C-alpha atoms as a PDB file:
ATOM      1  CA  MET A   1      -7.006 -15.017   4.482  1.00  0.00           C
ATOM      2  CA  PRO A   2      -5.838 -12.432   7.153  1.00  0.00           C
ATOM      3  CA  ALA A   3      -6.067  -8.871   6.170  1.00  0.00           C
ATOM      4  CA  SER A   4      -5.122  -5.360   7.607  1.00  0.00           C
ATOM      5  CA  HIS A   5      -5.799  -1.901   6.692  1.00  0.00           C
ATOM      6  CA  ALA A   6      -3.921   1.571   7.411  1.00  0.00           C
ATOM      7  CA  THR A   7      -4.798   5.112   6.514  1.00  0.00           C
ATOM      8  CA  ILE A   8      -2.009   7.882   5.969  1.00  0.00           C
ATOM      9  CA  GLU A   9      -2.745  11.476   6.074  1.00  0.00           C
ATOM     10  CA  THR A  10      -1.244  13.145   3.072  1.00  0.00           C
ATOM     11  CA  ALA A  11      -2.122  15.639   0.424  1.00  0.00           C
ATOM     12  CA  SER A  12      -0.117  13.604  -2.109  1.00  0.00           C
ATOM     13  CA  ALA A  13      -2.195  10.318  -1.879  1.00  0.00           C
ATOM     14  CA  SER A  14      -2.708  10.130  -5.590  1.00  0.00           C
ATOM     15  CA  ARG A  15       0.935  10.531  -6.457  1.00  0.00           C
ATOM     16  CA  TYR A  16       2.101   8.036  -3.828  1.00  0.00           C
ATOM     17  CA  LEU A  17      -0.556   5.621  -5.014  1.00  0.00           C
ATOM     18  CA  GLN A  18       0.636   5.664  -8.435  1.00  0.00           C
ATOM     19  CA  GLN A  19       4.399   5.656  -7.696  1.00  0.00           C
ATOM     20  CA  LEU A  20       3.925   2.478  -5.738  1.00  0.00           C
ATOM     21  CA  CYS A  21       1.807   0.815  -8.416  1.00  0.00           C
ATOM     22  CA  LYS A  22       4.287   1.837 -11.401  1.00  0.00           C
ATOM     23  CA  HIS A  23       7.346   0.600  -9.197  1.00  0.00           C
ATOM     24  CA  TRP A  24       5.745  -3.018  -8.924  1.00  0.00           C
ATOM     25  CA  SER A  25       4.124  -2.974 -12.370  1.00  0.00           C
ATOM     26  CA  HIS A  26       7.253  -4.153 -14.069  1.00  0.00           C
ATOM     27  CA  LYS A  27       7.162  -7.460 -11.884  1.00  0.00           C
ATOM     28  CA  PHE A  28       3.369  -8.022 -11.219  1.00  0.00           C
ATOM     29  CA  ALA A  29       0.143  -7.483 -12.962  1.00  0.00           C
ATOM     30  CA  VAL A  30      -0.659  -4.168 -11.398  1.00  0.00           C
ATOM     31  CA  GLU A  31      -3.907  -2.344 -12.291  1.00  0.00           C
ATOM     32  CA  PHE A  32      -4.363   1.405 -11.289  1.00  0.00           C
ATOM     33  CA  THR A  33      -6.000   4.776 -11.848  1.00  0.00           C
ATOM     34  CA  PRO A  34      -5.157   7.964  -9.985  1.00  0.00           C
ATOM     35  CA  GLU A  35      -7.688   6.944  -7.252  1.00  0.00           C
ATOM     36  CA  HIS A  36      -7.450   3.256  -7.030  1.00  0.00           C
ATOM     37  CA  GLY A  37      -4.766   0.514  -7.321  1.00  0.00           C
ATOM     38  CA  VAL A  38      -4.506  -3.202  -7.041  1.00  0.00           C
ATOM     39  CA  ILE A  39      -0.930  -4.894  -6.683  1.00  0.00           C
ATOM     40  CA  PRO A  40      -1.128  -8.557  -6.638  1.00  0.00           C
ATOM     41  CA  PHE A  41       2.328  -9.693  -5.340  1.00  0.00           C
ATOM     42  CA  ASP A  42       1.439 -13.408  -5.948  1.00  0.00           C
ATOM     43  CA  ALA A  43      -1.445 -15.633  -5.541  1.00  0.00           C
ATOM     44  CA  THR A  44      -1.511 -15.175  -1.789  1.00  0.00           C
ATOM     45  CA  ARG A  45      -0.616 -11.483  -1.266  1.00  0.00           C
ATOM     46  CA  LEU A  46      -2.710  -8.422  -2.310  1.00  0.00           C
ATOM     47  CA  CYS A  47      -2.376  -4.745  -1.735  1.00  0.00           C
ATOM     48  CA  THR A  48      -5.245  -2.366  -2.422  1.00  0.00           C
ATOM     49  CA  LEU A  49      -4.804   1.199  -2.364  1.00  0.00           C
ATOM     50  CA  ASP A  50      -7.337   4.131  -2.511  1.00  0.00           C
ATOM     51  CA  ALA A  51      -6.356   7.834  -3.014  1.00  0.00           C
ATOM     52  CA  TRP A  52      -8.675  10.527  -1.186  1.00  0.00           C
ATOM     53  CA  PRO A  53      -7.839  14.341  -1.357  1.00  0.00           C
ATOM     54  CA  GLN A  54      -6.079  14.113   1.950  1.00  0.00           C
ATOM     55  CA  GLN A  55      -5.661  10.249   2.646  1.00  0.00           C
ATOM     56  CA  LEU A  56      -4.049   7.231   1.206  1.00  0.00           C
ATOM     57  CA  ALA A  57      -5.847   4.181   2.423  1.00  0.00           C
ATOM     58  CA  LEU A  58      -3.929   0.806   2.225  1.00  0.00           C
ATOM     59  CA  ARG A  59      -5.456  -2.796   2.577  1.00  0.00           C
ATOM     60  CA  ILE A  60      -3.212  -5.902   2.646  1.00  0.00           C
ATOM     61  CA  GLU A  61      -4.522  -9.552   2.324  1.00  0.00           C
ATOM     62  CA  ALA A  62      -1.913 -12.548   2.906  1.00  0.00           C
ATOM     63  CA  ALA A  63      -2.073 -16.176   3.492  1.00  0.00           C
ATOM     64  CA  ASP A  64      -1.154 -15.866   7.042  1.00  0.00           C
ATOM     65  CA  ASP A  65      -0.107 -13.463   9.897  1.00  0.00           C
ATOM     66  CA  ALA A  66       3.638 -13.614   9.293  1.00  0.00           C
ATOM     67  CA  THR A  67       3.337 -12.913   5.502  1.00  0.00           C
ATOM     68  CA  LEU A  68       0.695 -10.219   6.253  1.00  0.00           C
ATOM     69  CA  ALA A  69       3.173  -8.443   8.788  1.00  0.00           C
ATOM     70  CA  ARG A  70       6.159  -8.881   6.207  1.00  0.00           C
ATOM     71  CA  THR A  71       4.085  -7.413   3.391  1.00  0.00           C
ATOM     72  CA  GLN A  72       2.763  -4.391   5.492  1.00  0.00           C
ATOM     73  CA  GLY A  73       6.543  -3.667   6.254  1.00  0.00           C
ATOM     74  CA  VAL A  74       7.587  -3.793   2.525  1.00  0.00           C
ATOM     75  CA  VAL A  75       4.855  -1.570   1.297  1.00  0.00           C
ATOM     76  CA  ILE A  76       5.396   1.021   3.997  1.00  0.00           C
ATOM     77  CA  GLU A  77       9.111   0.942   3.496  1.00  0.00           C
ATOM     78  CA  HIS A  78       8.636   1.834  -0.218  1.00  0.00           C
ATOM     79  CA  LEU A  79       6.117   4.173   0.440  1.00  0.00           C
ATOM     80  CA  LYS A  80       8.406   6.055   2.996  1.00  0.00           C
ATOM     81  CA  ARG A  81      11.163   6.016   0.298  1.00  0.00           C
ATOM     82  CA  PHE A  82       8.804   7.760  -2.276  1.00  0.00           C
ATOM     83  CA  ALA A  83       7.666  10.272   0.352  1.00  0.00           C
ATOM     84  CA  PHE A  84      10.900  11.091   1.814  1.00  0.00           C
ATOM     85  CA  ARG A  85       9.853  14.813   2.302  1.00  0.00           C
ATOM     86  CA  GLU A  86       6.869  13.734   4.540  1.00  0.00           C
ATOM     87  CA  ASP A  87       7.198  12.168   7.989  1.00  0.00           C
ATOM     88  CA  PHE A  88       4.390   9.652   8.318  1.00  0.00           C
ATOM     89  CA  GLY A  89       5.781   8.367  11.876  1.00  0.00           C
ATOM     90  CA  GLU A  90       4.568   5.004  12.816  1.00  0.00           C
ATOM     91  CA  VAL A  91       2.133   3.663  10.483  1.00  0.00           C
ATOM     92  CA  GLY A  92      -0.755   1.789  12.421  1.00  0.00           C
ATOM     93  CA  TRP A  93      -2.143  -1.178  10.904  1.00  0.00           C
ATOM     94  CA  SER A  94      -5.591  -2.590  11.982  1.00  0.00           C
ATOM     95  CA  LYS A  95      -6.917  -6.005  11.423  1.00  0.00           C
ATOM     96  CA  ALA A  96      -9.699  -6.184   8.892  1.00  0.00           C
END
């Protein structure tokens, strides 16, 4: 399964992790703590989040590269909506 990861510099990593997880928890079997979250979008797409004091780490796994790219866009779009006071710029994803 293709996977990618990104790290975002922010002092609000835990808050954003929890917002993302709560947002999707009404549709998916999301599990999270203030420091770690897992969003299983479906059987072929998974997003894992880890909050550090100054960073939010994201990892996405998907069935294929097209689905991986689409899921990256959806997660970042939602994150940027929640973090509208911060400018993350272009988020760089790396293949895992």
